[in-house]
């Protein structure tokens, strides 16, 4: 009856807490009668649902998390397991509870739910067919819980990465989903988001990362690098090989990389950054119609291609060799803002590979410029790109035209200069105007292009006026509560860093740590569309007799 009263009734929830009913319910999770345990857990699930965090804190303070974990270990009734994991999913949306859940429940959630339901086996029988993942409600709830806690910070990421079997099981579940072409469900979305979060800062945080660090890259070699572009590169975008070229020649043309020799197969957190995961993420980007899954898969590639370590170099090259660049370029046409943003920043990181940079300049420029135009004149009402997305697109354009005369020419051919000038003049955003200005300055710096620019009526003064517009009031904060320190400037060298030395490039500047590539819930506080972002299990509506699903 209490469970029924609490259904979407904030007043009743508050009254239960004030009357100290939560400690009583938590105590009943250890009751000898199974029906009492089930009813108590159902009430806690409804009481823990919603944005009001007071009930979540009260459940924590009376030992609710350890009690729920004990019940999960003991329960064999599927309905009880659904209730327990649903309650933990609700609790995991509360920041102070994330590490509590990891400390008390990670091992149990992994070994009781994620591993067995994923189909992954530690020691598979060579004669038996690999098992498929089971998309049960318990798995969905548990993966949703782990998705939330994986966004908590470095300590949380370390705990999840080092949990035996977790990464292996998540990857197996995703491979199963791709194999069955079942990539749009919530469980897949949760798994990809966890993988994206655990890929954040792998180049800094995983054990032994120092061994794989590479020297800071110098300037990419001026315009001559783009002049080395071969016609065979069109093969990366589905074009035909040049006449007379054999497969071996083509492989050499793609700068075949010698991966480190292994004495045994990669496992655990090592699987996060193996080049083999590229094919999985590209399959998800190709097959899925779930925008949250698309954003997370692109974000995972973004994270893995960041940083100055050997594995990022391999990831960038593997995306090219797996024909992943055209997949990403096509997604720049997405009608979903966050997908465009994630893809744009992934392309920026991937362009740190010179061959990728040349290809992206040739084949992505038109779509990037189209998004700049859409920032001024949306294709439909209410479809204007968010500030973060516009800046991400501009940053990517800047990256691919820097030190590349050919790519700068591609920008001119795509009618990018008029679009950039118009955006800089009309935008109400200081960040957008600044980013557009930096691109224009870079284009003007190519003396070989000034004749063509002047022929089209552009003058140096016009580019300088764009710079002045971008400056804005001295010391003025970025609009929307964003801090430029969490979103890199268009050219990192403006911050005193060497070009190409960037770290992970954010998708969003969220939270005090700027964990832009981990899955954060504060988007709702900023008024973004929460569709598909349910961070909690919906409450249970019950009759006086039975629980209704």
Protein backbone atom coordinates (compact mmCIF):
# COMPACT_ATOMS: atom_id res chain seq x y z
CA UNK A 1 0.00 0.00 0.00
CA UNK A 2 2.86 2.39 0.81
CA UNK A 3 4.42 1.57 -2.56
CA UNK A 4 1.11 2.53 -4.20
CA UNK A 5 0.87 5.81 -2.25
CA UNK A 6 4.42 6.81 -3.24
CA UNK A 7 3.80 6.46 -6.97
CA UNK A 8 4.71 9.87 -8.42
CA UNK A 9 3.58 11.63 -5.24
CA UNK A 10 6.34 13.88 -3.95
CA UNK A 11 4.33 14.91 -0.89
CA UNK A 12 3.93 11.33 0.31
CA UNK A 13 7.61 10.61 -0.36
CA UNK A 14 8.60 13.60 1.74
CA UNK A 15 6.24 12.57 4.54
CA UNK A 16 7.64 9.03 4.64
CA UNK A 17 11.12 10.46 5.07
CA UNK A 18 10.02 12.89 7.78
CA UNK A 19 8.37 10.07 9.72
CA UNK A 20 11.62 8.06 9.50
CA UNK A 21 10.03 5.39 7.37
CA UNK A 22 13.08 4.86 5.17
CA UNK A 23 15.25 3.15 7.84
CA UNK A 24 12.33 0.82 8.59
CA UNK A 25 11.99 -0.13 4.92
CA UNK A 26 15.74 -0.69 4.57
CA UNK A 27 15.67 -2.97 7.63
CA UNK A 28 12.87 -5.00 6.01
CA UNK A 29 15.19 -5.88 3.09
CA UNK A 30 16.68 -8.50 5.45
CA UNK A 31 13.29 -9.81 6.64
CA UNK A 32 12.95 -13.62 6.65
CA UNK A 33 9.76 -13.54 4.52
CA UNK A 34 10.38 -13.15 0.78
CA UNK A 35 7.10 -11.28 0.21
CA UNK A 36 8.03 -8.65 2.81
CA UNK A 37 11.46 -8.17 1.21
CA UNK A 38 9.85 -7.77 -2.21
CA UNK A 39 7.28 -5.22 -1.04
CA UNK A 40 9.86 -3.22 0.91
CA UNK A 41 12.14 -3.06 -2.12
CA UNK A 42 9.25 -1.95 -4.34
CA UNK A 43 8.45 0.89 -1.96
CA UNK A 44 12.11 1.95 -1.85
CA UNK A 45 12.27 1.99 -5.62
CA UNK A 46 9.37 4.44 -5.83
CA UNK A 47 10.67 6.50 -2.90
CA UNK A 48 14.09 6.82 -4.56
CA UNK A 49 12.72 7.96 -7.91
CA UNK A 50 12.82 11.62 -8.94
CA UNK A 51 14.97 14.72 -8.81
CA UNK A 52 14.54 15.30 -5.08
CA UNK A 53 17.76 13.92 -3.61
CA UNK A 54 16.73 13.99 0.06
CA UNK A 55 15.26 10.49 -0.03
CA UNK A 56 18.32 9.17 -1.83
CA UNK A 57 20.57 10.66 0.85
CA UNK A 58 18.37 9.24 3.61
CA UNK A 59 18.52 5.75 2.08
CA UNK A 60 22.31 6.05 1.95
CA UNK A 61 22.51 7.22 5.56
CA UNK A 62 20.66 4.18 6.90
CA UNK A 63 22.79 1.64 5.02
CA UNK A 64 20.45 1.19 2.09
CA UNK A 65 23.07 0.42 -0.54
CA UNK A 66 24.76 -2.50 1.30
CA UNK A 67 21.31 -3.88 2.19
CA UNK A 68 20.17 -3.78 -1.45
CA UNK A 69 23.39 -5.47 -2.56
CA UNK A 70 22.92 -8.23 0.04
CA UNK A 71 19.39 -8.80 -1.23
CA UNK A 72 20.61 -8.99 -4.83
CA UNK A 73 23.17 -11.64 -3.89
CA UNK A 74 20.58 -13.69 -2.04
CA UNK A 75 17.58 -13.28 -4.35
CA UNK A 76 16.79 -15.81 -7.03
CA UNK A 77 13.35 -14.41 -7.80
CA UNK A 78 13.61 -12.36 -10.99
CA UNK A 79 11.07 -9.77 -9.87
CA UNK A 80 13.06 -9.01 -6.72
CA UNK A 81 16.25 -8.68 -8.76
CA UNK A 82 14.47 -6.22 -11.06
CA UNK A 83 13.33 -4.19 -8.05
CA UNK A 84 16.78 -4.15 -6.44
CA UNK A 85 18.61 -3.13 -9.62
CA UNK A 86 15.93 -0.56 -10.44
CA UNK A 87 16.36 1.01 -7.00
CA UNK A 88 20.14 1.09 -7.39
CA UNK A 89 19.71 2.72 -10.82
CA UNK A 90 17.62 5.45 -9.17
CA UNK A 91 20.17 5.96 -6.40
CA UNK A 92 23.06 6.10 -8.87
CA UNK A 93 21.81 9.38 -10.34
CA UNK A 94 22.76 11.12 -7.06
CA UNK A 95 26.40 12.22 -7.24
CA UNK A 96 27.38 11.49 -3.58
CA UNK A 97 26.10 7.92 -3.94
CA UNK A 98 28.12 6.91 -6.98
CA UNK A 99 31.28 5.84 -5.17
CA UNK A 100 29.17 4.24 -2.42
CA UNK A 101 27.56 2.01 -5.06
CA UNK A 102 30.96 1.23 -6.59
CA UNK A 103 32.51 0.39 -3.22
CA UNK A 104 29.65 -1.81 -2.02
CA UNK A 105 28.04 -3.11 -5.17
CA UNK A 106 30.32 -3.14 -8.22
CA UNK A 107 31.58 -6.70 -7.81
CA UNK A 108 28.10 -8.06 -7.15
CA UNK A 109 26.46 -6.14 -10.01
CA UNK A 110 29.18 -7.33 -12.39
CA UNK A 111 29.30 -10.98 -11.40
CA UNK A 112 25.60 -11.49 -10.58
CA UNK A 113 24.16 -9.61 -13.56
CA UNK A 114 26.47 -8.12 -16.20
CA UNK A 115 28.69 -11.16 -16.85
CA UNK A 116 26.00 -13.89 -16.90
CA UNK A 117 23.48 -11.81 -18.90
CA UNK A 118 26.10 -10.59 -21.40
CA UNK A 119 26.80 -14.09 -22.70
CA UNK A 120 30.54 -13.71 -22.09
CA UNK A 121 32.37 -16.71 -20.64
CA UNK A 122 35.73 -16.53 -18.92
CA UNK A 123 36.75 -19.92 -20.25
CA UNK A 124 34.62 -20.58 -23.33
CA UNK A 125 34.19 -24.10 -24.61
CA UNK A 126 35.86 -24.22 -28.02
CA UNK A 127 33.20 -26.64 -29.27
CA UNK A 128 30.22 -24.49 -28.29
CA UNK A 129 28.83 -21.43 -30.03
CA UNK A 130 29.36 -18.12 -28.17
CA UNK A 131 26.24 -17.13 -26.26
CA UNK A 132 24.27 -14.00 -27.14
CA UNK A 133 23.51 -11.29 -24.64
CA UNK A 134 20.16 -11.40 -22.87
CA UNK A 135 18.46 -8.00 -22.89
CA UNK A 136 16.62 -8.54 -19.62
CA UNK A 137 15.19 -5.82 -17.41
CA UNK A 138 17.77 -6.73 -14.76
CA UNK A 139 20.58 -6.19 -17.28
CA UNK A 140 19.06 -2.89 -18.43
CA UNK A 141 18.74 -1.63 -14.85
CA UNK A 142 22.25 -2.71 -13.91
CA UNK A 143 23.89 -1.28 -17.01
CA UNK A 144 21.97 1.96 -16.39
CA UNK A 145 23.32 2.07 -12.84
CA UNK A 146 26.91 1.45 -13.98
CA UNK A 147 26.50 4.04 -16.73
CA UNK A 148 25.66 6.63 -14.09
CA UNK A 149 28.45 5.74 -11.68
CA UNK A 150 31.05 5.55 -14.48
CA UNK A 151 30.74 9.33 -14.89
CA UNK A 152 31.90 10.12 -11.36
CA UNK A 153 35.60 10.73 -11.96
CA UNK A 154 39.01 9.12 -12.17
CA UNK A 155 38.56 6.95 -9.08
CA UNK A 156 35.26 5.60 -10.37
CA UNK A 157 36.71 4.90 -13.81
CA UNK A 158 39.65 3.08 -12.27
CA UNK A 159 37.35 0.91 -10.18
CA UNK A 160 35.24 -0.10 -13.17
CA UNK A 161 38.20 -0.67 -15.48
CA UNK A 162 39.87 -2.94 -12.95
CA UNK A 163 36.72 -4.92 -12.11
CA UNK A 164 37.47 -8.38 -13.48
CA UNK A 165 35.26 -9.35 -16.37
CA UNK A 166 33.33 -6.08 -16.68
CA UNK A 167 34.93 -4.65 -19.84
CA UNK A 168 35.11 -8.12 -21.42
CA UNK A 169 31.40 -8.68 -20.78
CA UNK A 170 30.33 -5.25 -22.04
CA UNK A 171 32.27 -5.73 -25.27
CA UNK A 172 30.81 -9.20 -25.77
CA UNK A 173 27.30 -7.83 -25.26
CA UNK A 174 27.88 -5.09 -27.83
CA UNK A 175 29.37 -7.52 -30.34
CA UNK A 176 26.32 -9.72 -29.82
CA UNK A 177 24.04 -6.73 -30.47
CA UNK A 178 25.85 -5.87 -33.70
CA UNK A 179 25.77 -9.49 -34.83
CA UNK A 180 22.01 -9.65 -34.31
CA UNK A 181 21.44 -6.12 -35.71
CA UNK A 182 19.76 -5.20 -32.44
CA UNK A 183 21.52 -1.94 -31.65
CA UNK A 184 18.71 0.46 -30.78
CA UNK A 185 17.67 -0.74 -27.32
CA UNK A 186 18.39 0.90 -23.96
CA UNK A 187 20.80 -1.82 -22.79
CA UNK A 188 23.06 -1.27 -25.81
CA UNK A 189 22.91 2.47 -25.20
CA UNK A 190 23.95 1.97 -21.57
CA UNK A 191 26.83 -0.35 -22.51
CA UNK A 192 28.22 2.05 -25.13
CA UNK A 193 27.98 4.95 -22.68
CA UNK A 194 29.94 2.97 -20.08
CA UNK A 195 32.60 2.13 -22.67
CA UNK A 196 32.78 5.78 -23.72
CA UNK A 197 33.20 6.87 -20.10
CA UNK A 198 35.87 4.25 -19.36
CA UNK A 199 37.75 5.34 -22.51
CA UNK A 200 38.06 8.87 -21.15
CA UNK A 201 41.71 9.63 -20.26
CA UNK A 202 42.84 6.04 -20.86
CA UNK A 203 46.12 7.47 -22.14
CA UNK A 204 46.75 8.95 -18.69
CA UNK A 205 44.99 6.69 -16.23
CA UNK A 206 45.47 3.03 -17.13
CA UNK A 207 48.32 1.13 -15.47
CA UNK A 208 51.51 1.29 -17.54
CA UNK A 209 50.30 4.16 -19.73
CA UNK A 210 53.70 5.87 -19.42
CA UNK A 211 55.33 3.11 -21.47
CA UNK A 212 53.26 4.04 -24.51
CA UNK A 213 53.64 7.82 -24.44
CA UNK A 214 55.04 9.40 -27.57
CA UNK A 215 57.01 12.61 -27.97
CA UNK A 216 55.03 15.81 -28.34
CA UNK A 217 54.33 16.25 -32.06
CA UNK A 218 55.92 19.23 -33.69
CA UNK A 219 54.28 21.36 -36.35
CA UNK A 220 52.73 19.01 -38.90
CA UNK A 221 55.11 19.96 -41.67
CA UNK A 222 53.54 22.90 -43.42
CA UNK A 223 51.60 22.82 -46.63
CA UNK A 224 53.85 20.23 -48.19
CA UNK A 225 52.14 17.48 -46.21
CA UNK A 226 48.87 17.95 -48.01
CA UNK A 227 50.67 17.98 -51.34
CA UNK A 228 51.68 14.38 -50.66
CA UNK A 229 48.05 13.32 -50.93
CA UNK A 230 47.60 10.48 -53.40
CA UNK A 231 44.61 9.72 -55.54
CA UNK A 232 44.49 6.30 -53.93
CA UNK A 233 43.29 7.94 -50.72
CA UNK A 234 39.85 8.06 -52.29
CA UNK A 235 39.69 4.36 -51.42
CA UNK A 236 39.12 5.40 -47.81
CA UNK A 237 35.86 6.98 -48.94
CA UNK A 238 34.72 4.09 -51.09
CA UNK A 239 36.47 5.18 -54.27
CA UNK A 240 38.27 2.84 -56.62
CA UNK A 241 41.94 2.00 -56.38
CA UNK A 242 44.25 3.56 -58.88
CA UNK A 243 44.80 1.47 -61.98
CA UNK A 244 47.37 -1.25 -61.61
CA UNK A 245 47.48 -1.07 -57.82
CA UNK A 246 47.42 -4.37 -56.00
CA UNK A 247 46.16 -4.97 -52.49
CA UNK A 248 49.68 -5.05 -51.13
CA UNK A 249 50.42 -1.67 -52.67
CA UNK A 250 47.25 -0.28 -51.18
CA UNK A 251 48.18 -1.55 -47.72
CA UNK A 252 51.53 0.20 -47.92
CA UNK A 253 49.76 3.32 -49.10
CA UNK A 254 47.85 3.29 -45.82
CA UNK A 255 51.01 3.33 -43.72
CA UNK A 256 50.67 -0.16 -42.29
CA UNK A 257 51.38 -0.09 -38.56
CA UNK A 258 53.20 -2.79 -36.67
CA UNK A 259 51.16 -3.42 -33.55
CA UNK A 260 53.02 -4.54 -30.42
CA UNK A 261 53.60 -8.28 -30.34
CA UNK A 262 51.50 -10.04 -27.71
CA UNK A 263 52.24 -13.27 -25.89
CA UNK A 264 48.60 -13.54 -24.81
CA UNK A 265 45.27 -12.02 -25.81
CA UNK A 266 44.28 -8.63 -24.45
CA UNK A 267 41.75 -8.71 -21.63
CA UNK A 268 40.10 -6.43 -19.12
CA UNK A 269 40.82 -2.72 -19.44
CA UNK A 270 43.34 -3.41 -22.23
CA UNK A 271 40.39 -4.15 -24.49
CA UNK A 272 39.24 -0.53 -24.21
CA UNK A 273 41.98 0.79 -26.50
CA UNK A 274 42.81 -2.12 -28.78
CA UNK A 275 42.46 -1.17 -32.48
CA UNK A 276 39.95 -4.01 -32.85
CA UNK A 277 37.30 -1.98 -30.98
CA UNK A 278 37.23 0.51 -33.86
CA UNK A 279 35.25 -1.90 -36.03
CA UNK A 280 32.68 -2.36 -33.24
CA UNK A 281 32.12 1.38 -32.81
CA UNK A 282 31.92 1.91 -36.56
CA UNK A 283 29.32 -0.87 -36.80
CA UNK A 284 27.25 0.86 -34.13
CA UNK A 285 27.59 4.19 -35.93
CA UNK A 286 26.41 2.51 -39.13
CA UNK A 287 23.59 0.36 -37.75
CA UNK A 288 22.08 2.17 -34.78
CA UNK A 289 19.23 4.66 -34.98
CA UNK A 290 19.46 5.52 -31.29
CA UNK A 291 20.92 9.02 -31.09
CA UNK A 292 22.35 8.46 -27.61
CA UNK A 293 24.16 5.36 -28.84
CA UNK A 294 25.50 7.27 -31.86
CA UNK A 295 26.76 10.07 -29.63
CA UNK A 296 28.43 7.62 -27.25
CA UNK A 297 30.11 5.58 -30.02
CA UNK A 298 31.48 8.74 -31.63
CA UNK A 299 32.56 9.93 -28.19
CA UNK A 300 34.44 6.67 -27.59
CA UNK A 301 36.38 7.15 -30.84
CA UNK A 302 37.00 10.75 -29.81
CA UNK A 303 38.46 9.64 -26.47
CA UNK A 304 40.56 6.85 -27.95
CA UNK A 305 42.08 9.09 -30.63
CA UNK A 306 43.12 11.75 -28.11
CA UNK A 307 46.45 12.08 -26.39
CA UNK A 308 50.05 11.55 -27.35
CA UNK A 309 50.36 7.84 -26.84
CA UNK A 310 50.99 4.97 -29.19
CA UNK A 311 47.50 3.47 -29.01
CA UNK A 312 45.89 6.74 -30.13
CA UNK A 313 48.14 6.65 -33.20
CA UNK A 314 46.94 3.12 -33.97
CA UNK A 315 43.30 4.05 -33.40
CA UNK A 316 43.51 7.02 -35.81
CA UNK A 317 45.06 4.87 -38.52
CA UNK A 318 42.62 2.01 -37.92
CA UNK A 319 39.60 4.28 -38.34
CA UNK A 320 40.96 5.21 -41.77
CA UNK A 321 41.79 1.64 -42.77
CA UNK A 322 38.35 0.40 -41.67
CA UNK A 323 36.72 3.02 -43.92
CA UNK A 324 35.42 4.83 -40.86
CA UNK A 325 35.94 8.39 -42.04
CA UNK A 326 32.98 8.38 -44.48
CA UNK A 327 30.77 6.90 -41.75
CA UNK A 328 31.59 9.85 -39.51
CA UNK A 329 31.26 12.41 -42.30
CA UNK A 330 27.78 11.14 -43.15
CA UNK A 331 26.73 11.62 -39.52
CA UNK A 332 27.54 15.32 -39.79
CA UNK A 333 24.16 15.42 -41.58
CA UNK A 334 22.36 14.19 -38.46
CA UNK A 335 19.40 16.22 -37.28
CA UNK A 336 20.48 15.57 -33.68
CA UNK A 337 22.69 18.29 -32.29
CA UNK A 338 24.73 16.16 -29.90
CA UNK A 339 25.55 13.62 -32.62
CA UNK A 340 26.92 16.36 -34.88
CA UNK A 341 28.98 17.71 -31.98
CA UNK A 342 30.46 14.34 -31.02
CA UNK A 343 31.30 13.47 -34.63
CA UNK A 344 32.87 16.87 -35.32
CA UNK A 345 35.20 16.56 -32.35
CA UNK A 346 36.05 12.96 -33.19
CA UNK A 347 37.07 14.13 -36.68
CA UNK A 348 39.21 16.82 -35.12
CA UNK A 349 41.10 14.28 -33.01
CA UNK A 350 41.41 11.90 -35.95
CA UNK A 351 42.89 14.69 -38.08
CA UNK A 352 46.01 14.64 -35.89
CA UNK A 353 46.94 11.82 -38.29
CA UNK A 354 48.22 13.61 -41.38
CA UNK A 355 46.63 11.21 -43.85
CA UNK A 356 43.30 11.54 -42.06
CA UNK A 357 43.65 15.30 -42.12
CA UNK A 358 44.06 15.35 -45.89
CA UNK A 359 41.08 13.04 -46.42
CA UNK A 360 38.82 14.90 -44.00
CA UNK A 361 39.74 18.16 -45.71
CA UNK A 362 38.73 16.75 -49.08
CA UNK A 363 35.58 14.89 -48.15
CA UNK A 364 34.17 16.50 -44.99
CA UNK A 365 34.61 20.20 -45.68
CA UNK A 366 31.30 20.67 -47.49
CA UNK A 367 29.36 19.09 -44.61
CA UNK A 368 31.25 21.10 -42.00
CA UNK A 369 30.52 24.34 -43.87
CA UNK A 370 26.88 23.32 -44.24
CA UNK A 371 26.65 23.11 -40.46
CA UNK A 372 28.17 26.59 -40.17
CA UNK A 373 25.42 27.88 -42.48
CA UNK A 374 22.79 26.01 -40.47
CA UNK A 375 23.98 27.86 -37.37
CA UNK A 376 22.75 31.08 -39.00
CA UNK A 377 19.77 29.85 -41.06
CA UNK A 378 18.39 26.63 -39.55
CA UNK A 379 16.85 24.24 -42.11
CA UNK A 380 13.65 24.09 -40.01
CA UNK A 381 12.20 26.06 -37.05
CA UNK A 382 13.92 25.33 -33.75
CA UNK A 383 16.77 23.43 -35.41
CA UNK A 384 19.57 25.90 -34.72
CA UNK A 385 22.72 24.18 -33.50
CA UNK A 386 23.71 24.75 -29.88
CA UNK A 387 26.68 26.97 -29.17
CA UNK A 388 28.88 24.02 -28.16
CA UNK A 389 28.17 22.28 -31.45
CA UNK A 390 28.88 25.35 -33.58
CA UNK A 391 32.19 25.88 -31.76
CA UNK A 392 33.08 22.19 -32.17
CA UNK A 393 32.47 22.38 -35.93
CA UNK A 394 34.53 25.58 -36.21
CA UNK A 395 37.36 24.06 -34.17
CA UNK A 396 37.42 21.07 -36.50
CA UNK A 397 37.54 23.28 -39.59
CA UNK A 398 40.41 25.20 -38.02
CA UNK A 399 42.33 22.02 -37.27
CA UNK A 400 42.06 20.68 -40.80
CA UNK A 401 42.97 23.95 -42.55
CA UNK A 402 45.94 24.69 -40.28
CA UNK A 403 49.20 23.92 -42.10
CA UNK A 404 47.28 22.61 -45.12
CA UNK A 405 47.00 24.78 -48.21
CA UNK A 406 44.91 22.14 -50.01
CA UNK A 407 42.39 22.00 -47.16
CA UNK A 408 42.20 25.79 -47.05
CA UNK A 409 41.43 25.70 -50.78
CA UNK A 410 38.69 23.15 -50.07
CA UNK A 411 37.20 25.60 -47.58
CA UNK A 412 37.11 28.32 -50.23
CA UNK A 413 35.56 25.97 -52.78
CA UNK A 414 32.84 25.06 -50.26
CA UNK A 415 32.01 28.77 -49.94
CA UNK A 416 33.17 28.64 -46.34
CA UNK A 417 34.52 32.19 -46.12
CA UNK A 418 31.15 33.95 -46.63
CA UNK A 419 29.57 31.58 -44.09
CA UNK A 420 32.30 32.27 -41.52
CA UNK A 421 32.16 36.05 -42.01
CA UNK A 422 28.37 36.04 -41.70
CA UNK A 423 28.48 33.93 -38.55
CA UNK A 424 31.13 36.13 -36.95
CA UNK A 425 29.09 39.24 -37.68
CA UNK A 426 25.67 37.95 -36.66
CA UNK A 427 26.32 35.53 -33.79
CA UNK A 428 25.41 36.60 -30.26
CA UNK A 429 28.00 34.15 -28.92
CA UNK A 430 31.51 35.41 -28.14
CA UNK A 431 32.82 31.85 -28.44
CA UNK A 432 31.31 31.32 -31.88
CA UNK A 433 32.63 34.65 -33.14
CA UNK A 434 36.09 33.92 -31.77
CA UNK A 435 36.21 30.46 -33.32
CA UNK A 436 35.06 31.76 -36.72
CA UNK A 437 37.65 34.54 -36.53
CA UNK A 438 40.48 32.10 -35.87
CA UNK A 439 39.57 30.12 -38.98
CA UNK A 440 39.47 33.28 -41.09
CA UNK A 441 42.85 34.41 -39.77
CA UNK A 442 44.35 31.06 -40.67
CA UNK A 443 42.93 31.19 -44.19
CA UNK A 444 44.31 34.71 -44.73
CA UNK A 445 47.75 33.54 -43.55
CA UNK A 446 48.12 31.50 -46.77
CA UNK A 447 49.64 34.03 -49.17
CA UNK A 448 48.82 31.73 -52.08
CA UNK A 449 45.09 32.27 -51.43
CA UNK A 450 45.00 36.03 -51.08
CA UNK A 451 44.64 36.60 -54.81
CA UNK A 452 41.55 34.39 -54.97
CA UNK A 453 40.14 36.00 -51.83
CA UNK A 454 40.64 39.50 -53.18
CA UNK A 455 39.11 38.49 -56.49
CA UNK A 456 35.99 37.49 -54.56
CA UNK A 457 35.95 40.91 -52.91
CA UNK A 458 37.54 40.04 -49.58
CA UNK A 459 40.13 42.34 -48.05
CA UNK A 460 42.55 42.07 -45.18
CA UNK A 461 40.52 44.70 -43.34
CA UNK A 462 37.47 42.43 -43.46
CA UNK A 463 39.39 39.62 -41.78
CA UNK A 464 40.76 42.02 -39.18
CA UNK A 465 37.25 43.28 -38.44
CA UNK A 466 36.25 39.69 -37.79
CA UNK A 467 39.06 39.48 -35.26
CA UNK A 468 37.88 42.61 -33.51
CA UNK A 469 34.32 41.30 -33.36
CA UNK A 470 35.54 38.08 -31.77
CA UNK A 471 37.35 39.76 -28.90
CA UNK A 472 34.25 40.95 -27.02
CA UNK A 473 34.48 42.73 -23.68
CA UNK A 474 37.73 42.11 -21.89
CA UNK A 475 37.42 39.46 -19.21
CA UNK A 476 33.78 38.73 -20.04
CA UNK A 477 32.77 35.17 -19.14
CA UNK A 478 31.56 32.85 -21.84
CA UNK A 479 27.78 32.80 -22.17
CA UNK A 480 25.75 29.95 -20.80
CA UNK A 481 28.02 29.35 -17.83
CA UNK A 482 30.79 27.76 -19.90
CA UNK A 483 34.43 28.30 -19.16
CA UNK A 484 36.85 28.32 -22.08
CA UNK A 485 39.31 26.39 -19.92
CA UNK A 486 37.15 23.30 -20.41
CA UNK A 487 36.66 23.88 -24.13
CA UNK A 488 39.94 24.29 -26.01
CA UNK A 489 40.42 27.41 -28.04
CA UNK A 490 40.38 27.01 -31.78
CA UNK A 491 44.15 26.83 -31.86
CA UNK A 492 45.85 25.43 -28.79
CA UNK A 493 48.97 27.39 -29.65
CA UNK A 494 47.07 30.50 -28.51
CA UNK A 495 47.28 29.03 -25.02
CA UNK A 496 51.03 28.66 -25.23
CA UNK A 497 50.86 25.00 -26.20
CA UNK A 498 52.35 23.48 -29.29
CA UNK A 499 49.95 22.81 -32.15
CA UNK A 500 48.76 19.24 -32.00
CA UNK A 501 49.45 18.85 -28.29
CA UNK A 502 45.79 18.81 -27.28
CA UNK A 503 44.40 16.43 -24.76
CA UNK A 504 40.92 14.96 -24.93
CA UNK A 505 38.76 17.50 -26.73
CA UNK A 506 35.44 17.99 -24.97
CA UNK A 507 32.02 17.30 -26.37
CA UNK A 508 30.50 19.42 -23.62
CA UNK A 509 31.82 21.52 -20.77
CA UNK A 510 29.88 19.99 -17.93
CA UNK A 511 30.53 19.91 -14.23
CA UNK A 512 33.45 21.33 -12.30
CA UNK A 513 35.92 18.88 -13.82
CA UNK A 514 34.91 19.45 -17.42
CA UNK A 515 34.36 15.73 -17.98
CA UNK A 516 32.95 16.46 -21.34
CA UNK A 517 33.31 13.00 -22.73
CA UNK A 518 31.72 11.17 -19.85
CA UNK A 519 28.01 10.73 -19.46
CA UNK A 520 26.73 13.55 -17.27
CA UNK A 521 23.21 14.18 -16.03
CA UNK A 522 23.54 17.91 -15.41
CA UNK A 523 22.44 18.50 -19.00
CA UNK A 524 18.90 18.61 -17.68
CA UNK A 525 19.71 21.51 -15.40
CA UNK A 526 20.74 23.47 -18.49
CA UNK A 527 17.45 22.77 -20.19
CA UNK A 528 18.72 20.34 -22.83
CA UNK A 529 16.41 17.77 -24.25
CA UNK A 530 16.49 14.79 -21.90
CA UNK A 531 14.85 12.44 -24.38
CA UNK A 532 16.37 9.00 -24.13
CA UNK A 533 18.52 10.07 -21.20
CA UNK A 534 16.49 8.47 -18.38
CA UNK A 535 18.96 8.23 -15.53
CA UNK A 536 16.53 6.42 -13.27
CA UNK A 537 14.19 3.47 -13.42
CA UNK A 538 10.58 4.61 -13.78
CA UNK A 539 8.44 4.22 -10.64
CA UNK A 540 6.18 1.25 -10.13
CA UNK A 541 2.45 1.77 -10.27
CA UNK A 542 0.84 -0.90 -8.12
CA UNK A 543 -2.60 -2.11 -7.26
CA UNK A 544 -3.46 -3.26 -3.79
CA UNK A 545 -2.83 -6.83 -4.88
CA UNK A 546 0.16 -7.11 -7.18
CA UNK A 547 2.98 -5.24 -8.83
CA UNK A 548 2.23 -4.17 -12.39
CA UNK A 549 5.06 -4.07 -14.87
